[in-house]
N, C-alpha and C. Protein backbone atom coordinates (compact mmCIF):
# COMPACT_ATOMS: atom_id res chain seq x y z
N MET A 1 -60.49 16.64 -21.44
CA MET A 1 -60.81 16.28 -19.66
C MET A 1 -59.88 14.98 -19.33
N ASN A 2 -59.41 15.39 -18.21
CA ASN A 2 -58.83 14.05 -17.49
C ASN A 2 -59.81 12.99 -17.38
N ARG A 3 -59.70 11.82 -17.30
CA ARG A 3 -60.34 10.78 -17.17
C ARG A 3 -60.87 10.56 -15.50
N TRP A 4 -59.97 10.98 -14.79
CA TRP A 4 -60.31 10.89 -13.42
C TRP A 4 -60.94 12.15 -12.67
N ASN A 5 -61.43 13.19 -13.65
CA ASN A 5 -61.93 14.37 -12.89
C ASN A 5 -63.33 13.87 -12.82
N SER A 6 -63.88 13.10 -13.26
CA SER A 6 -65.41 12.99 -13.27
C SER A 6 -65.67 12.22 -11.56
N GLU A 7 -66.76 12.63 -11.12
CA GLU A 7 -67.19 12.34 -9.63
C GLU A 7 -67.19 10.75 -9.75
N SER A 8 -67.89 10.37 -11.11
CA SER A 8 -68.28 8.91 -10.69
C SER A 8 -66.91 7.81 -10.63
N HIS A 9 -66.31 8.25 -11.67
CA HIS A 9 -64.88 7.67 -11.66
C HIS A 9 -63.69 7.60 -10.39
N GLN A 10 -63.92 8.90 -9.82
CA GLN A 10 -63.25 8.91 -8.73
C GLN A 10 -63.56 8.07 -7.62
N ALA A 11 -64.92 8.00 -7.38
CA ALA A 11 -65.31 7.44 -5.96
C ALA A 11 -65.57 5.74 -6.58
N ARG A 12 -65.65 5.36 -7.61
CA ARG A 12 -65.78 4.04 -8.07
C ARG A 12 -65.12 3.59 -9.26
N MET A 13 -64.73 2.50 -9.14
CA MET A 13 -63.93 1.89 -10.58
C MET A 13 -64.29 0.35 -10.51
N ASN A 14 -65.02 -0.17 -11.34
CA ASN A 14 -65.27 -1.66 -10.96
C ASN A 14 -65.84 -1.93 -9.61
N GLY A 15 -66.55 -0.92 -8.79
CA GLY A 15 -67.10 -1.31 -7.78
C GLY A 15 -66.22 -1.33 -6.35
N ARG A 16 -64.99 -0.82 -6.91
CA ARG A 16 -64.17 -0.39 -5.67
C ARG A 16 -63.71 0.92 -5.72
N VAL A 17 -63.04 1.37 -4.64
CA VAL A 17 -62.52 2.88 -4.38
C VAL A 17 -61.50 3.10 -5.14
N VAL A 18 -61.30 3.91 -5.93
CA VAL A 18 -60.09 4.45 -6.62
C VAL A 18 -59.09 5.08 -5.85
N THR A 19 -57.62 4.71 -5.90
CA THR A 19 -56.73 5.29 -5.07
C THR A 19 -55.75 5.90 -5.87
N GLU A 20 -54.94 6.43 -5.11
CA GLU A 20 -53.80 7.47 -5.77
C GLU A 20 -53.07 6.43 -6.91
N GLU A 21 -52.73 5.35 -6.10
CA GLU A 21 -51.77 4.22 -6.69
C GLU A 21 -52.42 4.10 -7.84
N ASP A 22 -53.61 3.79 -8.10
CA ASP A 22 -54.04 3.60 -9.63
C ASP A 22 -54.19 4.47 -10.35
N LYS A 23 -54.28 5.83 -10.00
CA LYS A 23 -54.12 6.87 -10.82
C LYS A 23 -52.38 7.01 -11.59
N VAL A 24 -51.64 6.58 -10.74
CA VAL A 24 -50.21 6.66 -11.14
C VAL A 24 -50.19 5.53 -12.22
N ASN A 25 -50.61 4.21 -11.72
CA ASN A 25 -49.85 2.96 -12.35
C ASN A 25 -51.03 3.19 -13.88
N HIS A 26 -51.95 3.70 -13.81
CA HIS A 26 -52.69 3.67 -15.33
C HIS A 26 -52.09 4.88 -16.00
N ASP A 27 -51.43 5.80 -15.75
CA ASP A 27 -50.49 6.90 -16.34
C ASP A 27 -49.67 6.39 -17.52
N TYR A 28 -49.21 4.92 -17.26
CA TYR A 28 -48.33 4.19 -18.31
C TYR A 28 -48.90 3.01 -19.02
N ASP A 29 -49.83 2.70 -18.90
CA ASP A 29 -50.55 1.69 -19.63
C ASP A 29 -50.27 1.47 -20.78
N ASP A 30 -50.25 2.63 -21.70
CA ASP A 30 -50.01 2.62 -23.17
C ASP A 30 -48.48 2.15 -23.75
N ILE A 31 -47.33 2.05 -22.60
CA ILE A 31 -46.24 1.62 -22.93
C ILE A 31 -45.60 0.74 -22.09
N ILE A 32 -46.11 0.48 -20.94
CA ILE A 32 -45.98 -0.58 -20.25
C ILE A 32 -45.40 -2.03 -20.58
N ASN A 33 -45.98 -2.42 -21.31
CA ASN A 33 -45.99 -3.78 -22.15
C ASN A 33 -45.06 -3.84 -23.45
N LEU A 34 -44.47 -2.62 -24.03
CA LEU A 34 -43.78 -2.57 -25.08
C LEU A 34 -42.47 -3.45 -24.71
N PRO A 35 -41.66 -3.90 -25.91
CA PRO A 35 -40.38 -4.78 -25.59
C PRO A 35 -39.30 -3.24 -25.49
N HIS A 36 -38.43 -3.51 -24.52
CA HIS A 36 -37.16 -2.88 -24.40
C HIS A 36 -36.38 -2.63 -25.65
N TYR A 37 -35.87 -1.12 -25.55
CA TYR A 37 -35.35 -0.72 -26.76
C TYR A 37 -33.96 -1.22 -27.00
N GLU A 38 -33.54 -1.79 -28.02
CA GLU A 38 -32.34 -2.20 -28.37
C GLU A 38 -31.60 -1.21 -29.43
N PRO A 39 -30.43 -0.81 -29.28
CA PRO A 39 -29.98 -0.15 -30.19
C PRO A 39 -29.25 -0.71 -31.42
N LYS A 40 -29.52 -0.05 -32.47
CA LYS A 40 -29.11 -0.74 -33.89
C LYS A 40 -27.68 -0.48 -34.14
N HIS A 41 -27.09 0.54 -33.73
CA HIS A 41 -26.05 1.11 -34.40
C HIS A 41 -24.66 0.93 -33.54
N HIS A 42 -24.86 0.29 -32.25
CA HIS A 42 -23.79 0.16 -31.41
C HIS A 42 -24.15 -0.93 -30.29
N PRO A 43 -23.14 -1.77 -30.05
CA PRO A 43 -23.69 -3.04 -29.02
C PRO A 43 -24.00 -2.50 -27.56
N ARG A 44 -24.68 -3.20 -27.27
CA ARG A 44 -25.10 -2.88 -25.51
C ARG A 44 -23.82 -2.96 -24.71
N MET A 45 -23.75 -2.20 -24.11
CA MET A 45 -22.81 -2.15 -22.74
C MET A 45 -22.73 -3.38 -22.02
N SER A 46 -21.67 -3.76 -21.31
CA SER A 46 -21.61 -5.15 -20.77
C SER A 46 -22.05 -4.87 -19.12
N MET A 47 -22.35 -5.50 -18.37
CA MET A 47 -22.80 -5.19 -17.09
C MET A 47 -21.46 -4.94 -16.24
N TRP A 48 -20.23 -5.64 -16.63
CA TRP A 48 -19.10 -5.17 -16.06
C TRP A 48 -19.06 -3.67 -16.17
N ASN A 49 -18.53 -3.30 -17.40
CA ASN A 49 -18.36 -1.87 -18.05
C ASN A 49 -19.32 -0.97 -17.42
N ARG A 50 -20.69 -1.31 -17.23
CA ARG A 50 -21.85 -0.55 -16.80
C ARG A 50 -21.62 -0.21 -14.99
N ALA A 51 -21.12 -1.23 -14.33
CA ALA A 51 -21.04 -1.00 -13.12
C ALA A 51 -19.81 -0.18 -12.98
N ALA A 52 -18.75 -0.28 -14.01
CA ALA A 52 -17.21 0.49 -13.80
C ALA A 52 -17.75 2.05 -13.53
N GLN A 53 -18.42 2.30 -14.46
CA GLN A 53 -18.94 3.62 -14.27
C GLN A 53 -19.27 4.60 -13.01
N PHE A 54 -19.90 3.48 -12.39
CA PHE A 54 -20.09 4.03 -10.74
C PHE A 54 -19.19 3.77 -9.65
N ALA A 55 -17.87 3.15 -10.06
CA ALA A 55 -17.15 2.73 -9.06
C ALA A 55 -16.29 3.84 -8.59
N PRO A 56 -16.04 4.02 -7.23
CA PRO A 56 -15.38 4.68 -6.52
C PRO A 56 -13.93 5.11 -7.68
N PHE A 57 -13.38 6.39 -7.37
CA PHE A 57 -11.84 6.52 -7.93
C PHE A 57 -11.46 7.70 -7.08
N ALA A 58 -9.86 7.69 -7.45
CA ALA A 58 -8.93 8.11 -6.31
C ALA A 58 -8.93 9.52 -6.87
N ALA A 59 -9.81 10.63 -6.51
CA ALA A 59 -9.59 12.04 -6.87
C ALA A 59 -8.35 12.74 -6.48
N LEU A 60 -7.54 12.29 -5.34
CA LEU A 60 -6.27 12.71 -5.14
C LEU A 60 -5.12 11.41 -5.17
N THR A 61 -4.56 11.43 -6.50
CA THR A 61 -3.76 10.47 -6.89
C THR A 61 -2.61 10.67 -5.87
N GLY A 62 -2.12 9.60 -5.19
CA GLY A 62 -1.18 9.46 -4.48
C GLY A 62 -1.41 9.66 -2.93
N TYR A 63 -2.47 10.18 -2.87
CA TYR A 63 -2.94 10.40 -1.29
C TYR A 63 -2.63 9.35 -0.10
N ASP A 64 -3.58 8.32 -0.64
CA ASP A 64 -3.54 7.14 0.19
C ASP A 64 -2.05 6.48 0.60
N ALA A 65 -0.95 6.51 -0.62
CA ALA A 65 0.34 6.20 -0.52
C ALA A 65 1.04 7.30 0.64
N ALA A 66 0.81 8.54 0.51
CA ALA A 66 1.32 9.36 1.36
C ALA A 66 0.96 9.54 2.81
N ILE A 67 -0.32 8.93 3.17
CA ILE A 67 -0.88 8.74 4.06
C ILE A 67 -0.16 7.77 4.93
N ARG A 68 0.07 6.42 4.16
CA ARG A 68 0.66 5.25 4.54
C ARG A 68 2.16 5.75 4.87
N GLU A 69 2.77 6.33 4.00
CA GLU A 69 4.01 6.65 4.22
C GLU A 69 3.98 7.37 5.64
N SER A 70 3.49 8.37 5.91
CA SER A 70 3.33 9.06 6.98
C SER A 70 3.14 8.48 8.58
N GLY A 71 2.41 7.24 7.95
CA GLY A 71 2.16 6.47 9.26
C GLY A 71 3.30 5.25 9.47
N ARG A 72 4.34 5.50 8.72
CA ARG A 72 5.40 4.36 8.84
C ARG A 72 6.19 4.80 9.71
N TYR A 73 6.48 3.71 10.59
CA TYR A 73 7.59 3.84 11.62
C TYR A 73 9.24 3.96 11.19
N THR A 74 10.04 4.76 11.62
CA THR A 74 11.42 4.56 11.32
C THR A 74 12.08 4.61 12.79
N ASP A 75 13.49 3.86 12.94
CA ASP A 75 14.25 3.96 13.97
C ASP A 75 15.15 4.98 13.78
N ASP A 76 15.36 5.73 15.05
CA ASP A 76 16.72 6.84 15.15
C ASP A 76 18.00 5.99 15.28
N TRP A 77 19.20 6.59 14.47
CA TRP A 77 20.31 6.31 14.71
C TRP A 77 20.72 6.42 15.90
N VAL A 78 21.50 5.58 16.69
CA VAL A 78 21.81 5.55 18.27
C VAL A 78 23.34 5.36 17.81
N GLY A 79 24.13 6.60 18.11
CA GLY A 79 25.65 6.50 17.93
C GLY A 79 26.20 5.57 19.23
N LEU A 80 27.37 5.14 19.04
CA LEU A 80 28.00 4.12 19.99
C LEU A 80 28.75 5.11 21.11
N SER A 81 28.68 4.67 22.15
CA SER A 81 29.38 5.45 23.27
C SER A 81 31.01 5.57 23.28
N GLU A 82 31.59 5.90 24.23
CA GLU A 82 32.93 5.79 24.08
C GLU A 82 33.41 4.40 24.27
N SER A 83 32.73 3.83 25.58
CA SER A 83 32.98 2.60 25.58
C SER A 83 32.58 1.85 24.65
N GLY A 84 31.88 1.81 23.81
CA GLY A 84 31.00 1.29 22.63
C GLY A 84 32.17 0.98 21.51
N ASN A 85 32.70 2.47 21.37
CA ASN A 85 33.40 2.77 20.26
C ASN A 85 34.86 1.91 20.69
N GLU A 86 35.16 1.78 21.86
CA GLU A 86 36.43 1.03 22.34
C GLU A 86 36.29 -0.46 21.96
N GLU A 87 35.08 -0.87 22.19
CA GLU A 87 34.80 -2.44 22.17
C GLU A 87 34.71 -2.85 20.63
N MET A 88 34.02 -1.82 19.91
CA MET A 88 34.00 -1.79 18.48
C MET A 88 35.39 -1.91 17.81
N ASN A 89 36.12 -1.24 18.23
CA ASN A 89 37.90 -0.90 17.60
C ASN A 89 38.29 -2.54 17.80
N ARG A 90 38.10 -3.03 18.96
CA ARG A 90 38.71 -4.14 19.96
C ARG A 90 38.22 -5.27 18.66
N LYS A 91 37.03 -5.38 18.37
CA LYS A 91 36.31 -6.56 17.61
C LYS A 91 36.82 -6.30 16.04
N MET A 92 37.13 -4.92 15.69
CA MET A 92 37.61 -5.01 14.30
C MET A 92 39.03 -5.34 14.03
N GLU A 93 39.96 -5.50 15.21
CA GLU A 93 41.11 -5.75 15.59
C GLU A 93 41.21 -7.31 15.21
N MET A 94 40.39 -7.97 16.15
CA MET A 94 40.28 -9.23 15.95
C MET A 94 39.78 -9.69 14.72
N ILE A 95 38.94 -9.26 13.99
CA ILE A 95 38.68 -9.42 12.59
C ILE A 95 39.91 -9.16 11.81
N VAL A 96 40.63 -7.93 11.81
CA VAL A 96 41.87 -8.04 10.87
C VAL A 96 42.95 -9.22 11.23
N SER A 97 42.92 -9.77 12.24
CA SER A 97 43.78 -10.24 12.59
C SER A 97 43.67 -11.89 12.23
N ILE A 98 42.33 -12.27 11.85
CA ILE A 98 42.11 -13.52 11.22
C ILE A 98 41.30 -13.48 9.80
N LEU A 99 41.56 -12.36 9.21
CA LEU A 99 41.02 -11.81 8.09
C LEU A 99 41.36 -12.84 7.02
N PRO A 100 42.51 -13.37 6.88
CA PRO A 100 42.98 -14.37 5.68
C PRO A 100 42.00 -15.90 5.67
N GLU A 101 41.72 -16.04 7.16
CA GLU A 101 40.47 -17.17 7.00
C GLU A 101 39.02 -16.70 6.65
N HIS A 102 38.61 -15.37 6.54
CA HIS A 102 37.19 -15.12 5.98
C HIS A 102 36.36 -15.55 7.12
N PRO A 103 36.75 -14.97 8.31
CA PRO A 103 35.73 -15.13 9.30
C PRO A 103 34.31 -14.91 9.23
N LEU A 104 33.62 -15.74 10.02
CA LEU A 104 31.94 -15.54 9.82
C LEU A 104 31.50 -14.60 11.05
N VAL A 105 30.85 -13.40 10.57
CA VAL A 105 30.46 -12.65 11.41
C VAL A 105 29.36 -12.23 10.94
N THR A 106 28.26 -11.80 12.44
CA THR A 106 26.89 -11.15 12.26
C THR A 106 27.35 -9.74 12.71
N ILE A 107 26.29 -8.89 11.72
CA ILE A 107 26.94 -7.36 11.87
C ILE A 107 25.46 -6.99 12.00
N GLU A 108 25.10 -5.92 13.18
CA GLU A 108 23.70 -5.11 13.09
C GLU A 108 24.16 -3.70 12.84
N TYR A 109 23.44 -3.17 11.80
CA TYR A 109 23.82 -1.65 11.21
C TYR A 109 22.64 -1.29 10.90
N PHE A 110 22.72 0.05 10.66
CA PHE A 110 21.62 1.15 10.29
C PHE A 110 21.69 1.32 8.99
N VAL A 111 20.29 1.28 8.44
CA VAL A 111 20.22 1.80 6.97
C VAL A 111 19.23 2.95 7.13
N PRO A 112 19.79 4.02 6.60
CA PRO A 112 18.74 5.10 6.66
C PRO A 112 17.75 5.18 5.40
N ASP A 113 16.81 5.70 6.12
CA ASP A 113 15.46 5.60 5.10
C ASP A 113 15.51 6.33 3.94
N GLU A 114 15.00 5.89 2.64
CA GLU A 114 15.07 6.67 1.65
C GLU A 114 14.16 8.00 1.78
N HIS A 115 13.08 8.00 2.59
CA HIS A 115 11.85 8.94 2.05
C HIS A 115 11.79 9.94 3.35
N LYS A 116 11.98 9.51 4.60
CA LYS A 116 11.91 10.13 5.73
C LYS A 116 13.13 10.23 6.70
N VAL A 117 12.98 10.81 7.70
CA VAL A 117 14.10 11.03 8.78
C VAL A 117 14.25 9.45 9.51
N GLY A 118 15.44 8.80 9.78
CA GLY A 118 15.50 7.91 10.29
C GLY A 118 15.74 6.64 9.53
N GLY A 119 15.65 5.54 9.96
CA GLY A 119 15.71 4.23 9.20
C GLY A 119 15.45 3.21 9.85
N SER A 120 16.26 1.90 9.67
CA SER A 120 16.22 0.88 10.30
C SER A 120 17.26 -0.08 10.61
N TYR A 121 17.43 -1.21 11.49
CA TYR A 121 18.37 -1.66 12.10
C TYR A 121 18.33 -2.95 11.32
N GLN A 122 19.14 -3.35 10.71
CA GLN A 122 19.43 -4.76 9.93
C GLN A 122 20.53 -5.45 10.49
N THR A 123 20.24 -6.98 10.18
CA THR A 123 21.35 -7.89 10.63
C THR A 123 21.68 -8.74 9.33
N TYR A 124 22.98 -8.75 9.43
CA TYR A 124 23.66 -9.54 8.24
C TYR A 124 24.68 -10.44 8.68
N THR A 125 24.59 -11.80 8.24
CA THR A 125 25.76 -12.77 8.70
C THR A 125 26.54 -13.22 7.29
N GLY A 126 27.87 -13.33 7.25
CA GLY A 126 28.47 -13.59 6.09
C GLY A 126 30.10 -13.79 6.61
N ASN A 127 30.93 -14.01 5.64
CA ASN A 127 32.17 -14.28 5.78
C ASN A 127 32.68 -13.05 5.39
N VAL A 128 33.82 -12.18 5.93
CA VAL A 128 34.42 -11.20 5.57
C VAL A 128 35.63 -11.62 4.68
N LYS A 129 35.72 -10.76 3.58
CA LYS A 129 36.78 -10.81 2.62
C LYS A 129 37.46 -9.42 2.97
N ARG A 130 37.16 -8.36 3.27
CA ARG A 130 38.12 -7.31 3.65
C ARG A 130 37.51 -6.23 4.19
N ILE A 131 38.38 -5.46 4.72
CA ILE A 131 37.89 -4.18 5.35
C ILE A 131 38.53 -3.02 4.93
N ASP A 132 37.93 -1.91 4.29
CA ASP A 132 38.43 -0.77 3.55
C ASP A 132 38.35 0.09 4.32
N GLU A 133 39.57 0.70 5.24
CA GLU A 133 39.85 1.89 6.03
C GLU A 133 39.68 3.04 5.32
N TYR A 134 40.08 3.04 4.04
CA TYR A 134 40.16 4.39 3.17
C TYR A 134 38.76 4.90 2.90
N GLU A 135 38.07 3.81 2.33
CA GLU A 135 36.59 4.10 2.04
C GLU A 135 35.80 3.80 3.00
N LYS A 136 36.02 2.98 4.11
CA LYS A 136 35.34 3.03 5.13
C LYS A 136 34.30 1.95 5.24
N PHE A 137 34.39 0.94 4.72
CA PHE A 137 33.37 -0.17 4.43
C PHE A 137 34.07 -1.70 5.18
N ILE A 138 33.30 -2.51 4.93
CA ILE A 138 33.60 -4.05 5.05
C ILE A 138 32.98 -4.73 4.44
N GLU A 139 33.82 -5.43 3.66
CA GLU A 139 33.22 -6.11 2.51
C GLU A 139 33.18 -7.66 2.36
N PHE A 140 32.16 -8.44 2.19
CA PHE A 140 31.98 -10.20 2.54
C PHE A 140 32.16 -10.50 1.15
N THR A 141 32.38 -11.72 1.13
CA THR A 141 32.95 -12.46 0.20
C THR A 141 32.17 -12.68 -1.19
N ASN A 142 30.77 -12.35 -0.61
CA ASN A 142 29.45 -12.23 -1.79
C ASN A 142 29.55 -11.02 -2.15
N GLY A 143 30.01 -9.92 -2.10
CA GLY A 143 30.41 -8.61 -2.54
C GLY A 143 29.28 -7.56 -1.58
N LYS A 144 28.80 -8.03 -0.78
CA LYS A 144 27.98 -7.26 0.06
C LYS A 144 28.74 -6.01 0.82
N LYS A 145 28.79 -4.88 0.88
CA LYS A 145 29.33 -3.84 1.63
C LYS A 145 28.50 -3.24 2.79
N ILE A 146 29.10 -3.11 3.67
CA ILE A 146 28.34 -2.49 4.81
C ILE A 146 29.23 -1.27 5.21
N PRO A 147 28.75 0.07 5.22
CA PRO A 147 29.65 0.94 5.84
C PRO A 147 30.02 1.15 7.38
N LEU A 148 31.38 1.09 7.69
CA LEU A 148 31.77 0.89 9.01
C LEU A 148 31.02 1.55 9.85
N ASP A 149 30.67 3.24 9.61
CA ASP A 149 30.10 4.07 10.43
C ASP A 149 28.64 3.76 10.83
N ALA A 150 27.95 2.90 10.09
CA ALA A 150 26.83 2.36 10.22
C ALA A 150 26.51 1.22 11.31
N ILE A 151 27.91 0.56 11.73
CA ILE A 151 27.61 -0.57 12.44
C ILE A 151 27.47 -0.45 14.10
N ARG A 152 26.51 -1.06 14.49
CA ARG A 152 26.31 -0.97 15.91
C ARG A 152 26.76 -2.14 16.75
N ASP A 153 27.05 -3.54 16.16
CA ASP A 153 27.52 -4.42 16.67
C ASP A 153 28.03 -5.64 15.95
N ILE A 154 29.13 -6.19 16.46
CA ILE A 154 29.51 -7.15 15.50
C ILE A 154 29.63 -8.45 16.52
N LYS A 155 29.28 -9.60 16.11
CA LYS A 155 29.49 -10.87 16.58
C LYS A 155 30.43 -11.68 15.80
N ILE A 156 31.45 -12.20 16.33
CA ILE A 156 32.20 -12.97 15.73
C ILE A 156 32.07 -14.56 15.87
N GLU A 157 31.85 -15.28 15.06
CA GLU A 157 31.48 -16.51 15.01
C GLU A 157 32.80 -17.46 14.91
N ILE A 158 33.16 -18.06 15.90
CA ILE A 158 34.52 -18.70 16.21
C ILE A 158 34.31 -20.35 16.23
C-alpha cells in the first residue's frame, strides 16, 4: 500500500497540509544524497568535448560557400567603341616609340572571374618591357603580362 493513500497522511503531515510537491520530492529520498557515479574503466569526458556533442554542424557541406559565391558581384566586360579603339592604338604607338626607355604606364584591364560570368577591372602601374603583338600581351619589367584585348585604358606617365 502506498504511504500516501491513507486519509490521515493526505490530510496532514507534521501539522501541515500535504501537497503534490511533497509527494514528488519524497519519491527519491532513498537516492538523493548518494555520491555521483564515477566510471572505473574510462575517464570522464571533458566539458569541452561534452559541449561539442551538441554544437551545430553543417548538414550541407559547402552550402554557405555557394550562397556567398552567388551573392558576389562581378562586372561585365565593356568593349571599346570605335573612337576608343583609335585612341588605344594611338597610345600603343606612343608606347612602342619610347619602348627602349621602359616607359611607366598605368593600365586598367579586365580580369575574368574563375567561377562565374563577368569579372573585375583592375589597375596596374609598371614599366613596359615589351609588347608582343603575335601573342597579344604587354609585358612589364617585373615579368607581369596583361592581354592586349583586356585593356580598357592606358595612361602614360611622362
